[in-house]
Amino acid sequence: MYKIAVMGDYDSIYGFAALGLSVFPVEDEESCRTTLNRLAQSGYAVIYITESKAAMVEEEISRYREQRLPAIILIPGISGNTGAGIAQVKKSVEQAVGSDIIFTE
């Protein structure tokens, strides 16, 4: 059975533990990179990561995008939404469908 993890600053992710998800608080770039790689190698199929922490390890995330698993999904943290998560979904849809399906005016 696949596992689901949530990474980010503690205040943004602690609520996910109540849902039964594994939470991994990270603070700096090195701990973020180490934790992401460890989770990817440990059978986690889905890794949610706050947008602010994902910005620290963009190269690592790009490397995993080329693999089937894990799926790395950006979520907003307590500091707010930067739009990076929506941009990622939009890019993935464009690649899969061949067209932009989100219309902005």
C-alpha atoms as a PDB file:
ATOM      1  CA  MET A   1       0.000   0.000   0.000  1.00  0.00           C
ATOM      2  CA  TYR A   2       1.275   3.424  -0.896  1.00  0.00           C
ATOM      3  CA  LYS A   3       1.890   6.098   1.716  1.00  0.00           C
ATOM      4  CA  ILE A   4       1.186   9.850   1.708  1.00  0.00           C
ATOM      5  CA  ALA A   5       3.490  12.446   3.264  1.00  0.00           C
ATOM      6  CA  VAL A   6       3.184  16.163   3.945  1.00  0.00           C
ATOM      7  CA  MET A   7       6.287  18.377   4.186  1.00  0.00           C
ATOM      8  CA  GLY A   8       6.593  21.994   5.222  1.00  0.00           C
ATOM      9  CA  ASP A   9       6.874  24.269   8.212  1.00  0.00           C
ATOM     10  CA  TYR A  10       5.255  22.766  11.297  1.00  0.00           C
ATOM     11  CA  ASP A  11       2.435  25.316  11.602  1.00  0.00           C
ATOM     12  CA  SER A  12       1.313  24.628   8.025  1.00  0.00           C
ATOM     13  CA  ILE A  13       1.279  20.830   8.199  1.00  0.00           C
ATOM     14  CA  TYR A  14       0.473  19.651  11.730  1.00  0.00           C
ATOM     15  CA  GLY A  15      -3.274  19.452  10.971  1.00  0.00           C
ATOM     16  CA  PHE A  16      -2.661  16.783   8.336  1.00  0.00           C
ATOM     17  CA  ALA A  17      -1.621  14.343  11.067  1.00  0.00           C
ATOM     18  CA  ALA A  18      -5.236  14.298  12.255  1.00  0.00           C
ATOM     19  CA  LEU A  19      -6.170  12.944   8.823  1.00  0.00           C
ATOM     20  CA  GLY A  20      -3.734  10.067   9.225  1.00  0.00           C
ATOM     21  CA  LEU A  21      -1.058  11.456   6.911  1.00  0.00           C
ATOM     22  CA  SER A  22       2.628  11.328   7.811  1.00  0.00           C
ATOM     23  CA  VAL A  23       3.919  14.834   8.505  1.00  0.00           C
ATOM     24  CA  PHE A  24       7.542  15.909   8.179  1.00  0.00           C
ATOM     25  CA  PRO A  25       8.368  19.400   9.449  1.00  0.00           C
ATOM     26  CA  VAL A  26      11.339  20.961   7.659  1.00  0.00           C
ATOM     27  CA  GLU A  27      12.866  24.370   8.170  1.00  0.00           C
ATOM     28  CA  ASP A  28      15.911  24.889   5.972  1.00  0.00           C
ATOM     29  CA  GLU A  29      16.943  23.935   2.454  1.00  0.00           C
ATOM     30  CA  GLU A  30      19.192  21.050   3.514  1.00  0.00           C
ATOM     31  CA  SER A  31      16.571  19.368   5.709  1.00  0.00           C
ATOM     32  CA  CYS A  32      13.991  19.867   2.968  1.00  0.00           C
ATOM     33  CA  ARG A  33      16.210  18.235   0.332  1.00  0.00           C
ATOM     34  CA  THR A  34      17.201  15.349   2.619  1.00  0.00           C
ATOM     35  CA  THR A  35      13.615  14.678   3.698  1.00  0.00           C
ATOM     36  CA  LEU A  36      12.266  14.810   0.143  1.00  0.00           C
ATOM     37  CA  ASN A  37      14.847  12.316  -1.101  1.00  0.00           C
ATOM     38  CA  ARG A  38      14.295  10.016   1.883  1.00  0.00           C
ATOM     39  CA  LEU A  39      10.522  10.011   1.385  1.00  0.00           C
ATOM     40  CA  ALA A  40      10.840   9.373  -2.344  1.00  0.00           C
ATOM     41  CA  GLN A  41      13.051   6.356  -1.662  1.00  0.00           C
ATOM     42  CA  SER A  42      10.823   5.042   1.147  1.00  0.00           C
ATOM     43  CA  GLY A  43       7.680   4.149  -0.795  1.00  0.00           C
ATOM     44  CA  TYR A  44       5.706   7.376  -0.522  1.00  0.00           C
ATOM     45  CA  ALA A  45       3.496   7.674  -3.605  1.00  0.00           C
ATOM     46  CA  VAL A  46       2.251  11.195  -2.871  1.00  0.00           C
ATOM     47  CA  ILE A  47       4.269  13.943  -1.230  1.00  0.00           C
ATOM     48  CA  TYR A  48       2.508  17.216  -0.468  1.00  0.00           C
ATOM     49  CA  ILE A  49       4.941  20.071   0.086  1.00  0.00           C
ATOM     50  CA  THR A  50       4.230  23.676   0.952  1.00  0.00           C
ATOM     51  CA  GLU A  51       4.958  26.149  -1.827  1.00  0.00           C
ATOM     52  CA  SER A  52       7.552  28.025   0.225  1.00  0.00           C
ATOM     53  CA  LYS A  53       9.546  24.850   0.943  1.00  0.00           C
ATOM     54  CA  ALA A  54       9.175  23.626  -2.638  1.00  0.00           C
ATOM     55  CA  ALA A  55      10.836  26.837  -3.811  1.00  0.00           C
ATOM     56  CA  MET A  56      13.928  25.777  -1.855  1.00  0.00           C
ATOM     57  CA  VAL A  57      14.281  22.456  -3.680  1.00  0.00           C
ATOM     58  CA  GLU A  58      12.982  23.134  -7.202  1.00  0.00           C
ATOM     59  CA  GLU A  59      15.795  21.116  -8.813  1.00  0.00           C
ATOM     60  CA  GLU A  60      14.988  18.030  -6.731  1.00  0.00           C
ATOM     61  CA  ILE A  61      11.290  18.302  -7.513  1.00  0.00           C
ATOM     62  CA  SER A  62      12.028  18.643 -11.238  1.00  0.00           C
ATOM     63  CA  ARG A  63      14.052  15.456 -11.120  1.00  0.00           C
ATOM     64  CA  TYR A  64      11.149  13.529  -9.572  1.00  0.00           C
ATOM     65  CA  ARG A  65       8.641  14.918 -12.104  1.00  0.00           C
ATOM     66  CA  GLU A  66      10.216  12.710 -14.740  1.00  0.00           C
ATOM     67  CA  GLN A  67       9.440   9.601 -12.681  1.00  0.00           C
ATOM     68  CA  ARG A  68       6.105   7.867 -12.231  1.00  0.00           C
ATOM     69  CA  LEU A  69       6.282   8.014  -8.426  1.00  0.00           C
ATOM     70  CA  PRO A  70       6.241   9.937  -6.199  1.00  0.00           C
ATOM     71  CA  ALA A  71       3.702  12.561  -7.207  1.00  0.00           C
ATOM     72  CA  ILE A  72       4.839  15.815  -5.637  1.00  0.00           C
ATOM     73  CA  ILE A  73       1.994  18.260  -5.118  1.00  0.00           C
ATOM     74  CA  LEU A  74       2.465  21.841  -3.973  1.00  0.00           C
ATOM     75  CA  ILE A  75       0.066  23.212  -1.360  1.00  0.00           C
ATOM     76  CA  PRO A  76      -0.194  26.679   0.200  1.00  0.00           C
ATOM     77  CA  GLY A  77       1.232  27.176   3.662  1.00  0.00           C
ATOM     78  CA  ILE A  78       0.136  29.465   6.461  1.00  0.00           C
ATOM     79  CA  SER A  79       1.960  32.344   4.795  1.00  0.00           C
ATOM     80  CA  GLY A  80      -0.509  32.195   1.890  1.00  0.00           C
ATOM     81  CA  ASN A  81      -0.775  31.045  -1.685  1.00  0.00           C
ATOM     82  CA  THR A  82       2.008  32.011  -4.079  1.00  0.00           C
ATOM     83  CA  GLY A  83       0.307  30.558  -7.152  1.00  0.00           C
ATOM     84  CA  ALA A  84       3.062  28.008  -7.709  1.00  0.00           C
ATOM     85  CA  GLY A  85       0.733  25.059  -7.104  1.00  0.00           C
ATOM     86  CA  ILE A  86      -1.824  26.228  -9.663  1.00  0.00           C
ATOM     87  CA  ALA A  87       0.946  26.951 -12.179  1.00  0.00           C
ATOM     88  CA  GLN A  88       2.271  23.413 -11.714  1.00  0.00           C
ATOM     89  CA  VAL A  89      -1.166  21.862 -12.305  1.00  0.00           C
ATOM     90  CA  LYS A  90      -1.704  24.059 -15.356  1.00  0.00           C
ATOM     91  CA  LYS A  91       1.642  23.001 -16.835  1.00  0.00           C
ATOM     92  CA  SER A  92       0.898  19.313 -16.225  1.00  0.00           C
ATOM     93  CA  VAL A  93      -2.508  19.601 -17.895  1.00  0.00           C
ATOM     94  CA  GLU A  94      -0.995  21.389 -20.876  1.00  0.00           C
ATOM     95  CA  GLN A  95       1.534  18.584 -21.291  1.00  0.00           C
ATOM     96  CA  ALA A  96      -1.106  15.865 -20.993  1.00  0.00           C
ATOM     97  CA  VAL A  97      -3.829  17.468 -23.114  1.00  0.00           C
ATOM     98  CA  GLY A  98      -1.730  19.617 -25.427  1.00  0.00           C
ATOM     99  CA  SER A  99      -3.712  22.745 -24.683  1.00  0.00           C
ATOM    100  CA  ASP A 100      -4.325  25.273 -21.926  1.00  0.00           C
ATOM    101  CA  ILE A 101      -7.700  24.468 -20.363  1.00  0.00           C
ATOM    102  CA  ILE A 102      -7.637  27.227 -17.753  1.00  0.00           C
ATOM    103  CA  PHE A 103      -8.846  30.491 -19.198  1.00  0.00           C
ATOM    104  CA  THR A 104      -7.891  33.685 -17.404  1.00  0.00           C
ATOM    105  CA  GLU A 105      -9.169  37.087 -18.319  1.00  0.00           C
END
